[in-house]
Amino acid sequence: MPELSRFYGIVIKMYFADHGPPHFHAEYAGTEALISIETLATFAGGLPPQALSLVREWAGLHQDELRAAWANASKLEPVDRIDPLP
């Protein structure tokens, strides 16, 4: 599973050929959430509120890059790293 980004102890990953809807995995302190790329809603798992807020802020800034990563991962093609939050 490629790592897309890492910031403030949060790791963002995306599986190759994963199930829909288009999403990414966010991991923090032993917790994991699946976040929809389109709505930025959590649809499985969960994160502490502050970590989730940071993930949504980051994802909102990088939605187009996340869409491109999903398209590539769906075709088993390499995905690019995405800049972390500053």
PDB file of N, CA and C in Angstrom:
ATOM      1  N   MET A   1       0.854  -1.170   0.000  1.00  0.00           N
ATOM      2  CA  MET A   1       0.000   0.000   0.000  1.00  0.00           C
ATOM      3  C   MET A   1       0.900   1.232   0.000  1.00  0.00           C
ATOM      4  N   PRO A   2       0.823   2.038  -1.050  1.00  0.00           N
ATOM      5  CA  PRO A   2       1.672   3.224  -1.125  1.00  0.00           C
ATOM      6  C   PRO A   2       1.325   4.274  -0.069  1.00  0.00           C
ATOM      7  N   GLU A   3       2.366   4.863   0.481  1.00  0.00           N
ATOM      8  CA  GLU A   3       2.200   5.983   1.400  1.00  0.00           C
ATOM      9  C   GLU A   3       2.188   7.259   0.575  1.00  0.00           C
ATOM     10  N   LEU A   4       1.118   8.035   0.695  1.00  0.00           N
ATOM     11  CA  LEU A   4       0.980   9.272  -0.066  1.00  0.00           C
ATOM     12  C   LEU A   4       1.580  10.468   0.650  1.00  0.00           C
ATOM     13  N   SER A   5       1.422  10.504   1.973  1.00  0.00           N
ATOM     14  CA  SER A   5       1.890  11.657   2.728  1.00  0.00           C
ATOM     15  C   SER A   5       2.022  11.282   4.194  1.00  0.00           C
ATOM     16  N   ARG A   6       2.766  12.120   4.918  1.00  0.00           N
ATOM     17  CA  ARG A   6       2.952  11.921   6.357  1.00  0.00           C
ATOM     18  C   ARG A   6       3.121  13.297   6.994  1.00  0.00           C
ATOM     19  N   PHE A   7       2.342  13.579   8.029  1.00  0.00           N
ATOM     20  CA  PHE A   7       2.438  14.864   8.725  1.00  0.00           C
ATOM     21  C   PHE A   7       1.849  14.736  10.117  1.00  0.00           C
ATOM     22  N   TYR A   8       2.473  15.389  11.076  1.00  0.00           N
ATOM     23  CA  TYR A   8       2.006  15.428  12.475  1.00  0.00           C
ATOM     24  C   TYR A   8       1.660  14.045  13.024  1.00  0.00           C
ATOM     25  N   GLY A   9       2.425  13.034  12.648  1.00  0.00           N
ATOM     26  CA  GLY A   9       2.176  11.676  13.122  1.00  0.00           C
ATOM     27  C   GLY A   9       1.078  10.944  12.376  1.00  0.00           C
ATOM     28  N   ILE A  10       0.493  11.578  11.386  1.00  0.00           N
ATOM     29  CA  ILE A  10      -0.579  10.985  10.575  1.00  0.00           C
ATOM     30  C   ILE A  10       0.037  10.440   9.295  1.00  0.00           C
ATOM     31  N   VAL A  11      -0.354   9.224   8.932  1.00  0.00           N
ATOM     32  CA  VAL A  11       0.129   8.609   7.702  1.00  0.00           C
ATOM     33  C   VAL A  11      -1.069   8.420   6.770  1.00  0.00           C
ATOM     34  N   ILE A  12      -0.928   8.889   5.533  1.00  0.00           N
ATOM     35  CA  ILE A  12      -1.977   8.770   4.522  1.00  0.00           C
ATOM     36  C   ILE A  12      -1.536   7.722   3.510  1.00  0.00           C
ATOM     37  N   LYS A  13      -2.400   6.712   3.288  1.00  0.00           N
ATOM     38  CA  LYS A  13      -2.077   5.619   2.375  1.00  0.00           C
ATOM     39  C   LYS A  13      -3.248   5.353   1.442  1.00  0.00           C
ATOM     40  N   MET A  14      -2.951   4.615   0.371  1.00  0.00           N
ATOM     41  CA  MET A  14      -3.991   4.224  -0.578  1.00  0.00           C
ATOM     42  C   MET A  14      -3.623   2.847  -1.125  1.00  0.00           C
ATOM     43  N   TYR A  15      -4.569   1.925  -1.085  1.00  0.00           N
ATOM     44  CA  TYR A  15      -4.339   0.581  -1.625  1.00  0.00           C
ATOM     45  C   TYR A  15      -4.447   0.584  -3.143  1.00  0.00           C
ATOM     46  N   PHE A  16      -3.680  -0.293  -3.785  1.00  0.00           N
ATOM     47  CA  PHE A  16      -3.858  -0.537  -5.209  1.00  0.00           C
ATOM     48  C   PHE A  16      -5.134  -1.342  -5.404  1.00  0.00           C
ATOM     49  N   ALA A  17      -5.910  -1.007  -6.443  1.00  0.00           N
ATOM     50  CA  ALA A  17      -7.127  -1.737  -6.824  1.00  0.00           C
ATOM     51  C   ALA A  17      -8.071  -1.930  -5.631  1.00  0.00           C
ATOM     52  N   ASP A  18      -8.239  -0.911  -4.810  1.00  0.00           N
ATOM     53  CA  ASP A  18      -9.117  -0.983  -3.639  1.00  0.00           C
ATOM     54  C   ASP A  18     -10.581  -0.848  -4.061  1.00  0.00           C
ATOM     55  N   HIS A  19     -11.472  -1.235  -3.164  1.00  0.00           N
ATOM     56  CA  HIS A  19     -12.917  -1.132  -3.402  1.00  0.00           C
ATOM     57  C   HIS A  19     -13.348   0.331  -3.409  1.00  0.00           C
ATOM     58  N   GLY A  20     -14.483   0.609  -4.030  1.00  0.00           N
ATOM     59  CA  GLY A  20     -15.044   1.949  -4.016  1.00  0.00           C
ATOM     60  C   GLY A  20     -15.763   2.206  -2.713  1.00  0.00           C
ATOM     61  N   PRO A  21     -16.186   3.408  -2.460  1.00  0.00           N
ATOM     62  CA  PRO A  21     -15.977   4.625  -3.236  1.00  0.00           C
ATOM     63  C   PRO A  21     -14.511   5.065  -3.155  1.00  0.00           C
ATOM     64  N   PRO A  22     -14.091   5.958  -4.054  1.00  0.00           N
ATOM     65  CA  PRO A  22     -12.720   6.446  -4.004  1.00  0.00           C
ATOM     66  C   PRO A  22     -12.403   7.028  -2.613  1.00  0.00           C
ATOM     67  N   HIS A  23     -11.323   6.523  -2.022  1.00  0.00           N
ATOM     68  CA  HIS A  23     -11.000   6.912  -0.650  1.00  0.00           C
ATOM     69  C   HIS A  23      -9.511   6.726  -0.381  1.00  0.00           C
ATOM     70  N   PHE A  24      -9.099   7.183   0.782  1.00  0.00           N
ATOM     71  CA  PHE A  24      -7.744   6.947   1.269  1.00  0.00           C
ATOM     72  C   PHE A  24      -7.833   6.512   2.727  1.00  0.00           C
ATOM     73  N   HIS A  25      -6.749   5.955   3.210  1.00  0.00           N
ATOM     74  CA  HIS A  25      -6.654   5.492   4.588  1.00  0.00           C
ATOM     75  C   HIS A  25      -5.797   6.489   5.357  1.00  0.00           C
ATOM     76  N   ALA A  26      -6.267   6.916   6.511  1.00  0.00           N
ATOM     77  CA  ALA A  26      -5.508   7.792   7.392  1.00  0.00           C
ATOM     78  C   ALA A  26      -5.258   7.036   8.694  1.00  0.00           C
ATOM     79  N   GLU A  27      -3.992   6.958   9.097  1.00  0.00           N
ATOM     80  CA  GLU A  27      -3.627   6.249  10.316  1.00  0.00           C
ATOM     81  C   GLU A  27      -2.992   7.225  11.298  1.00  0.00           C
ATOM     82  N   TYR A  28      -3.376   7.075  12.569  1.00  0.00           N
ATOM     83  CA  TYR A  28      -2.806   7.930  13.607  1.00  0.00           C
ATOM     84  C   TYR A  28      -2.904   7.218  14.950  1.00  0.00           C
ATOM     85  N   ALA A  29      -1.782   7.074  15.631  1.00  0.00           N
ATOM     86  CA  ALA A  29      -1.732   6.550  17.000  1.00  0.00           C
ATOM     87  C   ALA A  29      -2.546   5.270  17.174  1.00  0.00           C
ATOM     88  N   GLY A  30      -2.371   4.330  16.246  1.00  0.00           N
ATOM     89  CA  GLY A  30      -3.064   3.050  16.360  1.00  0.00           C
ATOM     90  C   GLY A  30      -4.509   3.054  15.902  1.00  0.00           C
ATOM     91  N   THR A  31      -4.977   4.176  15.357  1.00  0.00           N
ATOM     92  CA  THR A  31      -6.341   4.242  14.831  1.00  0.00           C
ATOM     93  C   THR A  31      -6.266   4.405  13.317  1.00  0.00           C
ATOM     94  N   GLU A  32      -7.344   4.064  12.647  1.00  0.00           N
ATOM     95  CA  GLU A  32      -7.395   4.195  11.189  1.00  0.00           C
ATOM     96  C   GLU A  32      -8.797   4.593  10.764  1.00  0.00           C
ATOM     97  N   ALA A  33      -8.865   5.456   9.756  1.00  0.00           N
ATOM     98  CA  ALA A  33     -10.144   5.864   9.186  1.00  0.00           C
ATOM     99  C   ALA A  33     -10.044   5.790   7.671  1.00  0.00           C
ATOM    100  N   LEU A  34     -11.140   5.431   7.034  1.00  0.00           N
ATOM    101  CA  LEU A  34     -11.262   5.488   5.583  1.00  0.00           C
ATOM    102  C   LEU A  34     -12.045   6.749   5.266  1.00  0.00           C
ATOM    103  N   ILE A  35     -11.453   7.604   4.426  1.00  0.00           N
ATOM    104  CA  ILE A  35     -12.008   8.922   4.135  1.00  0.00           C
ATOM    105  C   ILE A  35     -12.349   9.008   2.654  1.00  0.00           C
ATOM    106  N   SER A  36     -13.579   9.398   2.346  1.00  0.00           N
ATOM    107  CA  SER A  36     -14.010   9.584   0.967  1.00  0.00           C
ATOM    108  C   SER A  36     -13.273  10.767   0.347  1.00  0.00           C
ATOM    109  N   ILE A  37     -12.755  10.575  -0.861  1.00  0.00           N
ATOM    110  CA  ILE A  37     -12.059  11.660  -1.541  1.00  0.00           C
ATOM    111  C   ILE A  37     -13.037  12.770  -1.935  1.00  0.00           C
ATOM    112  N   GLU A  38     -14.227  12.410  -2.341  1.00  0.00           N
ATOM    113  CA  GLU A  38     -15.191  13.414  -2.817  1.00  0.00           C
ATOM    114  C   GLU A  38     -15.818  14.226  -1.694  1.00  0.00           C
ATOM    115  N   THR A  39     -16.223  13.577  -0.624  1.00  0.00           N
ATOM    116  CA  THR A  39     -16.955  14.270   0.438  1.00  0.00           C
ATOM    117  C   THR A  39     -16.111  14.576   1.671  1.00  0.00           C
ATOM    118  N   LEU A  40     -14.947  13.933   1.774  1.00  0.00           N
ATOM    119  CA  LEU A  40     -14.064  14.019   2.934  1.00  0.00           C
ATOM    120  C   LEU A  40     -14.731  13.477   4.198  1.00  0.00           C
ATOM    121  N   ALA A  41     -15.785  12.691   4.015  1.00  0.00           N
ATOM    122  CA  ALA A  41     -16.475  12.059   5.142  1.00  0.00           C
ATOM    123  C   ALA A  41     -15.778  10.749   5.497  1.00  0.00           C
ATOM    124  N   THR A  42     -15.777  10.426   6.784  1.00  0.00           N
ATOM    125  CA  THR A  42     -15.283   9.136   7.256  1.00  0.00           C
ATOM    126  C   THR A  42     -16.381   8.103   7.042  1.00  0.00           C
ATOM    127  N   PHE A  43     -16.050   6.999   6.366  1.00  0.00           N
ATOM    128  CA  PHE A  43     -17.086   5.974   6.192  1.00  0.00           C
ATOM    129  C   PHE A  43     -16.712   4.649   6.838  1.00  0.00           C
ATOM    130  N   ALA A  44     -15.551   4.563   7.451  1.00  0.00           N
ATOM    131  CA  ALA A  44     -15.181   3.387   8.237  1.00  0.00           C
ATOM    132  C   ALA A  44     -14.079   3.797   9.202  1.00  0.00           C
ATOM    133  N   GLY A  45     -14.088   3.186  10.358  1.00  0.00           N
ATOM    134  CA  GLY A  45     -13.063   3.482  11.353  1.00  0.00           C
ATOM    135  C   GLY A  45     -13.231   4.860  11.953  1.00  0.00           C
ATOM    136  N   GLY A  46     -12.149   5.371  12.503  1.00  0.00           N
ATOM    137  CA  GLY A  46     -12.213   6.691  13.114  1.00  0.00           C
ATOM    138  C   GLY A  46     -10.850   7.153  13.582  1.00  0.00           C
ATOM    139  N   LEU A  47     -10.728   8.440  13.781  1.00  0.00           N
ATOM    140  CA  LEU A  47      -9.528   9.087  14.290  1.00  0.00           C
ATOM    141  C   LEU A  47      -9.922  10.028  15.419  1.00  0.00           C
ATOM    142  N   PRO A  48      -8.982  10.366  16.297  1.00  0.00           N
ATOM    143  CA  PRO A  48      -9.280  11.405  17.283  1.00  0.00           C
ATOM    144  C   PRO A  48      -9.677  12.701  16.566  1.00  0.00           C
ATOM    145  N   PRO A  49     -10.555  13.498  17.165  1.00  0.00           N
ATOM    146  CA  PRO A  49     -11.080  14.690  16.492  1.00  0.00           C
ATOM    147  C   PRO A  49     -10.018  15.633  15.924  1.00  0.00           C
ATOM    148  N   GLN A  50      -8.946  15.904  16.657  1.00  0.00           N
ATOM    149  CA  GLN A  50      -7.933  16.837  16.160  1.00  0.00           C
ATOM    150  C   GLN A  50      -7.213  16.252  14.946  1.00  0.00           C
ATOM    151  N   ALA A  51      -6.898  14.958  14.976  1.00  0.00           N
ATOM    152  CA  ALA A  51      -6.239  14.311  13.838  1.00  0.00           C
ATOM    153  C   ALA A  51      -7.167  14.312  12.629  1.00  0.00           C
ATOM    154  N   LEU A  52      -8.438  14.020  12.839  1.00  0.00           N
ATOM    155  CA  LEU A  52      -9.401  14.012  11.737  1.00  0.00           C
ATOM    156  C   LEU A  52      -9.523  15.399  11.118  1.00  0.00           C
ATOM    157  N   SER A  53      -9.517  16.416  11.937  1.00  0.00           N
ATOM    158  CA  SER A  53      -9.582  17.786  11.426  1.00  0.00           C
ATOM    159  C   SER A  53      -8.372  18.104  10.542  1.00  0.00           C
ATOM    160  N   LEU A  54      -7.185  17.684  10.964  1.00  0.00           N
ATOM    161  CA  LEU A  54      -5.982  17.896  10.159  1.00  0.00           C
ATOM    162  C   LEU A  54      -6.041  17.127   8.844  1.00  0.00           C
ATOM    163  N   VAL A  55      -6.540  15.906   8.899  1.00  0.00           N
ATOM    164  CA  VAL A  55      -6.662  15.088   7.681  1.00  0.00           C
ATOM    165  C   VAL A  55      -7.621  15.754   6.698  1.00  0.00           C
ATOM    166  N   ARG A  56      -8.745  16.226   7.185  1.00  0.00           N
ATOM    167  CA  ARG A  56      -9.712  16.870   6.291  1.00  0.00           C
ATOM    168  C   ARG A  56      -9.160  18.176   5.715  1.00  0.00           C
ATOM    169  N   GLU A  57      -8.435  18.926   6.528  1.00  0.00           N
ATOM    170  CA  GLU A  57      -7.806  20.149   6.023  1.00  0.00           C
ATOM    171  C   GLU A  57      -6.828  19.800   4.899  1.00  0.00           C
ATOM    172  N   TRP A  58      -5.967  18.802   5.143  1.00  0.00           N
ATOM    173  CA  TRP A  58      -4.988  18.370   4.143  1.00  0.00           C
ATOM    174  C   TRP A  58      -5.683  17.874   2.875  1.00  0.00           C
ATOM    175  N   ALA A  59      -6.687  17.021   3.042  1.00  0.00           N
ATOM    176  CA  ALA A  59      -7.382  16.443   1.892  1.00  0.00           C
ATOM    177  C   ALA A  59      -8.086  17.519   1.068  1.00  0.00           C
ATOM    178  N   GLY A  60      -8.648  18.507   1.724  1.00  0.00           N
ATOM    179  CA  GLY A  60      -9.301  19.599   1.004  1.00  0.00           C
ATOM    180  C   GLY A  60      -8.325  20.374   0.123  1.00  0.00           C
ATOM    181  N   LEU A  61      -7.099  20.477   0.571  1.00  0.00           N
ATOM    182  CA  LEU A  61      -6.075  21.171  -0.206  1.00  0.00           C
ATOM    183  C   LEU A  61      -5.562  20.319  -1.381  1.00  0.00           C
ATOM    184  N   HIS A  62      -5.736  19.009  -1.287  1.00  0.00           N
ATOM    185  CA  HIS A  62      -5.117  18.092  -2.252  1.00  0.00           C
ATOM    186  C   HIS A  62      -6.124  17.157  -2.926  1.00  0.00           C
ATOM    187  N   GLN A  63      -7.384  17.565  -3.013  1.00  0.00           N
ATOM    188  CA  GLN A  63      -8.408  16.685  -3.576  1.00  0.00           C
ATOM    189  C   GLN A  63      -8.093  16.261  -5.009  1.00  0.00           C
ATOM    190  N   ASP A  64      -7.633  17.171  -5.843  1.00  0.00           N
ATOM    191  CA  ASP A  64      -7.319  16.803  -7.232  1.00  0.00           C
ATOM    192  C   ASP A  64      -6.193  15.773  -7.283  1.00  0.00           C
ATOM    193  N   GLU A  65      -5.182  15.963  -6.445  1.00  0.00           N
ATOM    194  CA  GLU A  65      -4.080  15.001  -6.396  1.00  0.00           C
ATOM    195  C   GLU A  65      -4.555  13.650  -5.877  1.00  0.00           C
ATOM    196  N   LEU A  66      -5.474  13.649  -4.930  1.00  0.00           N
ATOM    197  CA  LEU A  66      -6.033  12.398  -4.425  1.00  0.00           C
ATOM    198  C   LEU A  66      -6.842  11.686  -5.497  1.00  0.00           C
ATOM    199  N   ARG A  67      -7.602  12.444  -6.277  1.00  0.00           N
ATOM    200  CA  ARG A  67      -8.348  11.836  -7.387  1.00  0.00           C
ATOM    201  C   ARG A  67      -7.394  11.185  -8.391  1.00  0.00           C
ATOM    202  N   ALA A  68      -6.303  11.874  -8.703  1.00  0.00           N
ATOM    203  CA  ALA A  68      -5.316  11.331  -9.639  1.00  0.00           C
ATOM    204  C   ALA A  68      -4.651  10.082  -9.060  1.00  0.00           C
ATOM    205  N   ALA A  69      -4.337  10.113  -7.779  1.00  0.00           N
ATOM    206  CA  ALA A  69      -3.741   8.946  -7.135  1.00  0.00           C
ATOM    207  C   ALA A  69      -4.698   7.754  -7.183  1.00  0.00           C
ATOM    208  N   TRP A  70      -5.996   8.002  -6.924  1.00  0.00           N
ATOM    209  CA  TRP A  70      -6.993   6.929  -6.980  1.00  0.00           C
ATOM    210  C   TRP A  70      -7.058   6.342  -8.392  1.00  0.00           C
ATOM    211  N   ALA A  71      -7.072   7.196  -9.394  1.00  0.00           N
ATOM    212  CA  ALA A  71      -7.132   6.724 -10.785  1.00  0.00           C
ATOM    213  C   ALA A  71      -5.919   5.852 -11.091  1.00  0.00           C
ATOM    214  N   ASN A  72      -4.746   6.278 -10.677  1.00  0.00           N
ATOM    215  CA  ASN A  72      -3.536   5.490 -10.923  1.00  0.00           C
ATOM    216  C   ASN A  72      -3.561   4.180 -10.143  1.00  0.00           C
ATOM    217  N   ALA A  73      -3.884   4.252  -8.864  1.00  0.00           N
ATOM    218  CA  ALA A  73      -3.903   3.041  -8.032  1.00  0.00           C
ATOM    219  C   ALA A  73      -4.935   2.041  -8.545  1.00  0.00           C
ATOM    220  N   SER A  74      -6.046   2.528  -9.074  1.00  0.00           N
ATOM    221  CA  SER A  74      -7.079   1.636  -9.621  1.00  0.00           C
ATOM    222  C   SER A  74      -6.570   0.860 -10.827  1.00  0.00           C
ATOM    223  N   LYS A  75      -5.598   1.459 -11.538  1.00  0.00           N
ATOM    224  CA  LYS A  75      -5.014   0.816 -12.717  1.00  0.00           C
ATOM    225  C   LYS A  75      -3.681   0.136 -12.384  1.00  0.00           C
ATOM    226  N   LEU A  76      -3.403   0.007 -11.080  1.00  0.00           N
ATOM    227  CA  LEU A  76      -2.158  -0.602 -10.599  1.00  0.00           C
ATOM    228  C   LEU A  76      -0.921   0.149 -11.098  1.00  0.00           C
ATOM    229  N   GLU A  77      -1.059   1.447 -11.257  1.00  0.00           N
ATOM    230  CA  GLU A  77       0.044   2.300 -11.679  1.00  0.00           C
ATOM    231  C   GLU A  77       0.602   3.042 -10.469  1.00  0.00           C
ATOM    232  N   PRO A  78       1.850   3.493 -10.544  1.00  0.00           N
ATOM    233  CA  PRO A  78       2.451   4.210  -9.414  1.00  0.00           C
ATOM    234  C   PRO A  78       1.664   5.472  -9.059  1.00  0.00           C
ATOM    235  N   VAL A  79       1.701   5.801  -7.781  1.00  0.00           N
ATOM    236  CA  VAL A  79       1.054   7.027  -7.304  1.00  0.00           C
ATOM    237  C   VAL A  79       2.134   7.982  -6.818  1.00  0.00           C
ATOM    238  N   ASP A  80       1.897   9.268  -6.986  1.00  0.00           N
ATOM    239  CA  ASP A  80       2.853  10.288  -6.551  1.00  0.00           C
ATOM    240  C   ASP A  80       2.656  10.634  -5.095  1.00  0.00           C
ATOM    241  N   ARG A  81       3.727  11.038  -4.450  1.00  0.00           N
ATOM    242  CA  ARG A  81       3.643  11.568  -3.089  1.00  0.00           C
ATOM    243  C   ARG A  81       2.909  12.902  -3.145  1.00  0.00           C
ATOM    244  N   ILE A  82       2.245  13.218  -2.053  1.00  0.00           N
ATOM    245  CA  ILE A  82       1.509  14.476  -1.931  1.00  0.00           C
ATOM    246  C   ILE A  82       2.112  15.247  -0.754  1.00  0.00           C
ATOM    247  N   ASP A  83       2.330  16.531  -0.951  1.00  0.00           N
ATOM    248  CA  ASP A  83       2.931  17.361   0.090  1.00  0.00           C
ATOM    249  C   ASP A  83       2.134  17.278   1.391  1.00  0.00           C
ATOM    250  N   PRO A  84       2.846  17.274   2.525  1.00  0.00           N
ATOM    251  CA  PRO A  84       2.159  17.267   3.822  1.00  0.00           C
ATOM    252  C   PRO A  84       1.656  18.658   4.173  1.00  0.00           C
ATOM    253  N   LEU A  85       0.930  18.738   5.272  1.00  0.00           N
ATOM    254  CA  LEU A  85       0.595  20.057   5.826  1.00  0.00           C
ATOM    255  C   LEU A  85       1.885  20.688   6.331  1.00  0.00           C
ATOM    256  N   PRO A  86       1.993  21.991   6.225  1.00  0.00           N
ATOM    257  CA  PRO A  86       3.235  22.647   6.720  1.00  0.00           C
ATOM    258  C   PRO A  86       3.327  22.610   8.241  1.00  0.00           C
TER     259      PRO A  86
END
